[in-house]
Amino acid sequence: MRGGQRQVLLLMSALTEAGHPSTLLALDRSPLSQAAAGAGHAVRPAEAKELWRSSKLADVVHAHDARAHTIAAIASRRPFVVSRRVAFPVRRSVASMWKYHRAPRFLAVSQFVAGQLQAAGIRNDKIDVVYDAVPPAPPADPWNARSPAVALASRDPQKGRDLIERAASLARISVLFSEDLSKDLARASMFVYISRSEGLGSAALLAMSMGVPVVASNVGGLPEIFADTASGLLVPNEPEAIARAMRRLLDEPDLAPSLVDRARARIAEKFTKQHLLRATLASYERALVR
C-alpha cells in the first residue's frame, strides 16, 4: 500500500460517511482490494467489461492511475474524472493524448502537477487541484533529540535514499529507513523526506500530523505543503544542505516544537478528510455539468 492507494481508501470512507456510496474496481487480491473489502466497501475486478457494466449505475467514474484512466477512456458509460498524482510530464504519444482529451476533468494533487497537465495541452478550466488528506493519527511521543531520525524505506531511485545516507554521515546522525511509518514515526526526532520527483508528499503529511518535524526536498509539490515556510525545513537535494537541516533540528532546541505546532495548524488548514471530500465532490459536480 502506497500513498495513492491510501488516499483512495480515505476518499471512499469520506464519500460513504457523506451518503455517497461507491464501488471500487481494483486488481483481484491486491492490497488495495483487500483493504477496501475489509473496510466494508464494494469491490469488483478492474476490467473494462466490468466498468462497462457497473458504470451505467454510477453518476461519475473516478480513475486513480494510468491503467484506470485507459480503461475509463475506453469503457466508461458515464463522465469520468482522472486523478493525477505524479510529478513527471505527461507522455505526448497519440494514444496518451487521446485518453487525456477524453476526460472532462482532472484532479491534480498539487499546483505543480496541474502545471504539468497544462504543459501537455490540458485546458486550465478542466483541472482542479485536490490536495491529499491525512486521517487523524495518534500523536508521536514528546519530541526528544535522542529519538531516531526516520526516512522512508523505498526501492524507488527517485526517493533519494543515497542522498539521505550521505547527509546522515555528514551530520553524524543515524537514520532508520522505515517500512512502517505509522509505527516508527511514533518515536522519531525528525522525518527526512528526500525525493527527486514528487507530486505532493503524503508521507510528509503523515509525519506533520503526528507531530514529527520534517526535512523535505524543495521539489515538485512539496513546497505547497510548507507554503508558510515555517512548518517544515525545505532543502535542495544536496547532502551538505540536508545534513545542515538535520543538525539544526538537534542543535536548536526551540526549532522542533515550533515546526510541530505550525505543521499541525497547516494540516488543519488544508489537508483534512473534509477538505478532500469537498474538493472532490466539487470536481464531480463540474464534470457532470460539462
Protein backbone atom coordinates (compact mmCIF):
# COMPACT_ATOMS: atom_id res chain seq x y z
CA MET A 1 0.00 0.00 0.00
CA ARG A 2 1.44 3.33 -1.09
CA GLY A 3 0.21 6.88 -0.67
CA GLY A 4 -2.13 6.82 -3.66
CA GLN A 5 -3.89 3.64 -2.54
CA ARG A 6 -4.33 5.03 0.96
CA GLN A 7 -5.89 8.17 -0.50
CA VAL A 8 -8.40 6.04 -2.41
CA LEU A 9 -9.46 4.34 0.83
CA LEU A 10 -9.67 7.66 2.65
CA LEU A 11 -11.82 9.14 -0.11
CA MET A 12 -14.17 6.14 -0.17
CA SER A 13 -14.59 6.41 3.59
CA ALA A 14 -15.37 10.13 3.32
CA LEU A 15 -17.86 9.57 0.49
CA THR A 16 -19.64 6.83 2.43
CA GLU A 17 -19.88 8.99 5.55
CA ALA A 18 -21.37 11.79 3.42
CA GLY A 19 -24.03 9.48 1.96
CA HIS A 20 -22.40 8.81 -1.42
CA PRO A 21 -21.88 5.04 -1.85
CA SER A 22 -19.07 3.99 -4.17
CA THR A 23 -17.72 0.81 -5.72
CA LEU A 24 -14.01 0.14 -6.13
CA LEU A 25 -12.67 -1.60 -9.24
CA ALA A 26 -9.24 -2.97 -8.31
CA LEU A 27 -6.89 -5.80 -9.16
CA ASP A 28 -8.02 -9.06 -7.60
CA ARG A 29 -6.30 -9.89 -4.28
CA SER A 30 -4.26 -6.69 -4.38
CA PRO A 31 -3.54 -4.95 -1.05
CA LEU A 32 -5.96 -2.18 -2.06
CA SER A 33 -8.83 -4.52 -2.93
CA GLN A 34 -8.32 -6.49 0.29
CA ALA A 35 -8.16 -3.36 2.43
CA ALA A 36 -11.28 -1.92 0.79
CA ALA A 37 -13.24 -5.15 1.22
CA GLY A 38 -12.10 -5.33 4.84
CA ALA A 39 -13.45 -1.82 5.39
CA GLY A 40 -16.85 -2.90 4.02
CA HIS A 41 -16.65 -1.28 0.59
CA ALA A 42 -18.00 -2.93 -2.55
CA VAL A 43 -15.10 -4.25 -4.66
CA ARG A 44 -15.11 -5.64 -8.20
CA PRO A 45 -12.36 -6.54 -10.68
CA ALA A 46 -10.62 -3.70 -12.54
CA GLU A 47 -11.56 -4.82 -16.05
CA ALA A 48 -13.03 -2.93 -18.98
CA LYS A 49 -16.06 -5.22 -19.21
CA GLU A 50 -16.78 -4.72 -15.50
CA LEU A 51 -16.54 -0.94 -15.85
CA TRP A 52 -18.86 -1.08 -18.87
CA ARG A 53 -21.45 -2.93 -16.77
CA SER A 54 -21.15 -1.09 -13.47
CA SER A 55 -20.63 2.45 -14.74
CA LYS A 56 -24.17 2.65 -16.07
CA LEU A 57 -25.35 2.57 -12.43
CA ALA A 58 -23.00 5.37 -11.36
CA ASP A 59 -23.16 9.15 -11.59
CA VAL A 60 -19.45 9.55 -12.18
CA VAL A 61 -16.37 7.36 -12.63
CA HIS A 62 -13.09 8.30 -10.92
CA ALA A 63 -9.84 6.90 -12.34
CA HIS A 64 -6.91 6.98 -9.91
CA ASP A 65 -3.97 5.78 -12.00
CA ALA A 66 -2.81 5.47 -15.60
CA ARG A 67 -4.28 2.00 -16.16
CA ALA A 68 -7.63 3.06 -14.73
CA HIS A 69 -7.54 6.15 -16.93
CA THR A 70 -7.12 3.98 -20.02
CA ILE A 71 -9.96 1.66 -19.03
CA ALA A 72 -12.26 4.60 -18.27
CA ALA A 73 -11.48 6.25 -21.61
CA ILE A 74 -12.46 3.03 -23.38
CA ALA A 75 -15.33 1.66 -21.33
CA SER A 76 -16.96 4.24 -19.05
CA ARG A 77 -20.62 4.90 -19.78
CA ARG A 78 -20.67 7.97 -17.53
CA PRO A 79 -18.49 11.09 -17.30
CA PHE A 80 -15.15 10.25 -15.73
CA VAL A 81 -12.54 12.24 -13.86
CA VAL A 82 -8.86 11.39 -13.51
CA SER A 83 -6.57 11.90 -10.52
CA ARG A 84 -3.02 12.84 -11.45
CA ARG A 85 -0.54 12.34 -8.61
CA VAL A 86 2.84 12.05 -10.28
CA ALA A 87 5.28 14.88 -10.97
CA PHE A 88 6.76 13.71 -14.26
CA PRO A 89 5.49 15.19 -17.54
CA VAL A 90 2.53 13.69 -19.38
CA ARG A 91 3.54 11.48 -22.31
CA ARG A 92 2.87 13.11 -25.66
CA SER A 93 2.12 9.99 -27.72
CA VAL A 94 -1.03 9.86 -29.85
CA ALA A 95 -2.63 7.27 -27.55
CA SER A 96 -1.81 9.26 -24.43
CA MET A 97 -3.18 12.50 -25.87
CA TRP A 98 -6.36 10.69 -26.96
CA LYS A 99 -7.15 9.41 -23.49
CA TYR A 100 -6.23 12.71 -21.81
CA HIS A 101 -8.58 14.66 -24.03
CA ARG A 102 -11.38 12.16 -23.36
CA ALA A 103 -11.60 13.07 -19.67
CA PRO A 104 -13.86 16.03 -18.79
CA ARG A 105 -11.90 16.83 -15.59
CA PHE A 106 -8.59 16.19 -13.87
CA LEU A 107 -7.88 16.23 -10.16
CA ALA A 108 -4.25 17.32 -9.76
CA VAL A 109 -2.67 16.55 -6.40
CA SER A 110 -0.83 19.89 -6.38
CA GLN A 111 -0.41 23.11 -8.30
CA PHE A 112 2.86 21.71 -9.60
CA VAL A 113 1.10 18.69 -11.10
CA ALA A 114 -1.61 20.97 -12.51
CA GLY A 115 1.18 22.82 -14.30
CA GLN A 116 2.41 19.59 -15.84
CA LEU A 117 -1.09 18.92 -17.18
CA GLN A 118 -1.29 22.41 -18.63
CA ALA A 119 2.12 21.94 -20.27
CA ALA A 120 0.67 18.86 -22.00
CA GLY A 121 -2.12 20.93 -23.51
CA ILE A 122 -4.91 20.29 -20.98
CA ARG A 123 -7.02 23.41 -20.56
CA ASN A 124 -6.75 25.06 -17.15
CA ASP A 125 -10.55 25.12 -16.80
CA LYS A 126 -10.57 21.29 -16.86
CA ILE A 127 -8.17 20.99 -13.91
CA ASP A 128 -8.97 21.08 -10.20
CA VAL A 129 -6.27 20.99 -7.53
CA VAL A 130 -7.34 18.46 -4.89
CA TYR A 131 -4.74 18.00 -2.18
CA ASP A 132 -4.17 14.75 -0.36
CA ALA A 133 -5.63 14.40 3.11
CA VAL A 134 -4.24 12.78 6.21
CA PRO A 135 -6.53 10.98 8.65
CA PRO A 136 -6.28 11.66 12.37
CA ALA A 137 -3.24 9.81 13.70
CA PRO A 138 -2.07 9.03 17.23
CA PRO A 139 0.44 11.69 18.24
CA ALA A 140 4.10 10.79 18.40
CA ASP A 141 5.93 10.66 21.72
CA PRO A 142 7.02 14.06 23.05
CA TRP A 143 9.87 15.32 20.90
CA ASN A 144 13.28 14.13 22.01
CA ALA A 145 16.56 14.86 20.25
CA ARG A 146 17.76 11.39 21.20
CA SER A 147 14.96 9.69 19.25
CA PRO A 148 15.96 8.31 15.84
CA ALA A 149 15.72 10.16 12.57
CA VAL A 150 13.30 8.32 10.28
CA ALA A 151 13.18 8.14 6.48
CA LEU A 152 11.04 6.14 4.08
CA ALA A 153 12.38 2.75 3.01
CA SER A 154 11.89 2.63 -0.74
CA ARG A 155 13.46 0.88 -3.72
CA ASP A 156 12.47 3.83 -5.92
CA PRO A 157 15.67 5.60 -7.06
CA GLN A 158 13.68 8.84 -7.20
CA LYS A 159 13.25 8.78 -3.42
CA GLY A 160 16.81 9.85 -2.69
CA ARG A 161 17.95 7.26 -0.17
CA ASP A 162 21.52 7.77 -1.39
CA LEU A 163 21.32 11.48 -0.60
CA ILE A 164 19.92 10.79 2.88
CA GLU A 165 22.67 8.29 3.66
CA ARG A 166 25.39 10.73 2.62
CA ALA A 167 23.76 13.56 4.56
CA ALA A 168 23.37 11.43 7.68
CA SER A 169 27.06 10.55 7.54
CA LEU A 170 28.00 14.23 7.27
CA ALA A 171 25.66 15.15 10.14
CA ARG A 172 26.76 12.17 12.25
CA ILE A 173 23.14 11.09 12.69
CA SER A 174 21.85 7.56 12.29
CA VAL A 175 18.69 7.11 10.20
CA LEU A 176 16.04 4.42 10.47
CA PHE A 177 14.68 3.58 7.00
CA SER A 178 11.14 2.61 7.84
CA GLU A 179 8.84 0.02 6.27
CA ASP A 180 6.06 1.06 8.67
CA LEU A 181 5.91 4.83 9.02
CA SER A 182 2.91 4.94 11.34
CA LYS A 183 4.81 2.80 13.82
CA ASP A 184 8.27 4.31 13.50
CA LEU A 185 7.17 7.95 13.41
CA ALA A 186 5.63 7.46 16.84
CA ARG A 187 9.16 7.78 18.21
CA ALA A 188 11.19 9.97 15.88
CA SER A 189 13.26 13.13 16.23
CA MET A 190 12.58 14.02 12.58
CA PHE A 191 11.28 12.70 9.30
CA VAL A 192 13.69 13.15 6.39
CA TYR A 193 11.80 13.05 3.10
CA ILE A 194 14.16 13.50 0.17
CA SER A 195 12.83 12.97 -3.33
CA ARG A 196 13.98 13.82 -6.82
CA SER A 197 10.40 13.93 -8.11
CA GLU A 198 7.27 14.44 -6.02
CA GLY A 199 3.66 15.19 -6.84
CA LEU A 200 2.87 16.28 -3.28
CA GLY A 201 4.20 14.10 -0.44
CA SER A 202 1.60 12.20 1.61
CA ALA A 203 4.31 10.68 3.84
CA ALA A 204 5.38 14.18 4.87
CA LEU A 205 1.76 14.99 5.70
CA LEU A 206 1.56 11.91 7.92
CA ALA A 207 4.66 12.97 9.86
CA MET A 208 3.33 16.51 10.27
CA SER A 209 0.00 15.23 11.57
CA MET A 210 1.77 13.06 14.15
CA GLY A 211 3.89 15.91 15.45
CA VAL A 212 7.22 14.98 13.88
CA PRO A 213 9.33 17.80 12.34
CA VAL A 214 10.02 17.30 8.64
CA VAL A 215 13.08 17.95 6.47
CA ALA A 216 11.96 17.71 2.83
CA SER A 217 13.21 18.33 -0.69
CA ASN A 218 12.35 21.65 -2.30
CA VAL A 219 10.96 19.90 -5.40
CA GLY A 220 7.62 19.27 -7.12
CA GLY A 221 4.58 19.77 -4.92
CA LEU A 222 6.40 19.54 -1.57
CA PRO A 223 6.78 23.35 -1.20
CA GLU A 224 2.97 23.59 -1.31
CA ILE A 225 2.76 21.54 1.88
CA PHE A 226 5.02 24.04 3.63
CA ALA A 227 3.60 27.14 1.96
CA ASP A 228 4.02 29.19 5.13
CA THR A 229 7.79 28.38 5.10
CA ALA A 230 7.59 27.77 8.84
CA SER A 231 6.03 24.31 9.24
CA GLY A 232 8.96 22.32 7.81
CA LEU A 233 12.52 22.66 6.56
CA LEU A 234 12.81 22.67 2.76
CA VAL A 235 16.24 21.86 1.36
CA PRO A 236 17.91 21.44 -2.03
CA ASN A 237 18.83 17.87 -2.95
CA GLU A 238 22.41 18.29 -1.80
CA PRO A 239 23.87 16.15 1.02
CA GLU A 240 25.51 19.14 2.72
CA ALA A 241 22.24 21.13 2.84
CA ILE A 242 20.28 18.12 4.08
CA ALA A 243 22.89 17.48 6.77
CA ARG A 244 22.74 21.11 7.97
CA ALA A 245 18.95 20.94 8.31
CA MET A 246 19.13 17.66 10.23
CA ARG A 247 21.71 19.12 12.61
CA ARG A 248 19.62 22.26 13.12
CA LEU A 249 16.77 20.21 14.49
CA LEU A 250 19.04 18.65 17.10
CA ASP A 251 21.16 21.72 17.90
CA GLU A 252 18.39 24.36 18.16
CA PRO A 253 16.08 23.19 20.97
CA ASP A 254 13.25 25.63 20.17
CA LEU A 255 13.08 24.79 16.46
CA ALA A 256 11.38 21.38 16.53
CA PRO A 257 8.44 22.39 18.80
CA SER A 258 7.83 25.48 16.64
CA LEU A 259 7.78 23.40 13.45
CA VAL A 260 5.44 20.85 15.02
CA ASP A 261 2.90 23.48 16.15
CA ARG A 262 2.85 25.20 12.77
CA ALA A 263 2.69 21.90 10.89
CA ARG A 264 -0.40 20.80 12.78
CA ALA A 265 -2.04 24.13 12.00
CA ARG A 266 -1.13 23.70 8.33
CA ILE A 267 -2.73 20.23 8.25
CA ALA A 268 -5.94 21.59 9.77
CA GLU A 269 -5.95 24.42 7.23
CA LYS A 270 -5.57 22.38 4.02
CA PHE A 271 -5.18 18.63 4.36
CA THR A 272 -8.08 17.07 6.29
CA LYS A 273 -10.53 14.44 5.08
CA GLN A 274 -13.25 17.09 4.88
CA HIS A 275 -11.07 19.24 2.61
CA LEU A 276 -10.53 16.20 0.36
CA LEU A 277 -14.25 15.39 0.29
CA ARG A 278 -15.42 18.92 -0.52
CA ALA A 279 -12.86 19.44 -3.28
CA THR A 280 -13.55 16.04 -4.85
CA LEU A 281 -17.33 16.45 -4.83
CA ALA A 282 -16.96 19.89 -6.39
CA SER A 283 -14.91 18.37 -9.19
CA TYR A 284 -17.50 15.62 -9.72
CA GLU A 285 -20.23 18.25 -10.00
CA ARG A 286 -18.24 20.19 -12.62
CA ALA A 287 -17.74 17.00 -14.62
CA LEU A 288 -21.47 16.33 -14.61
CA VAL A 289 -22.42 19.77 -15.95
CA ARG A 290 -19.80 19.96 -18.70
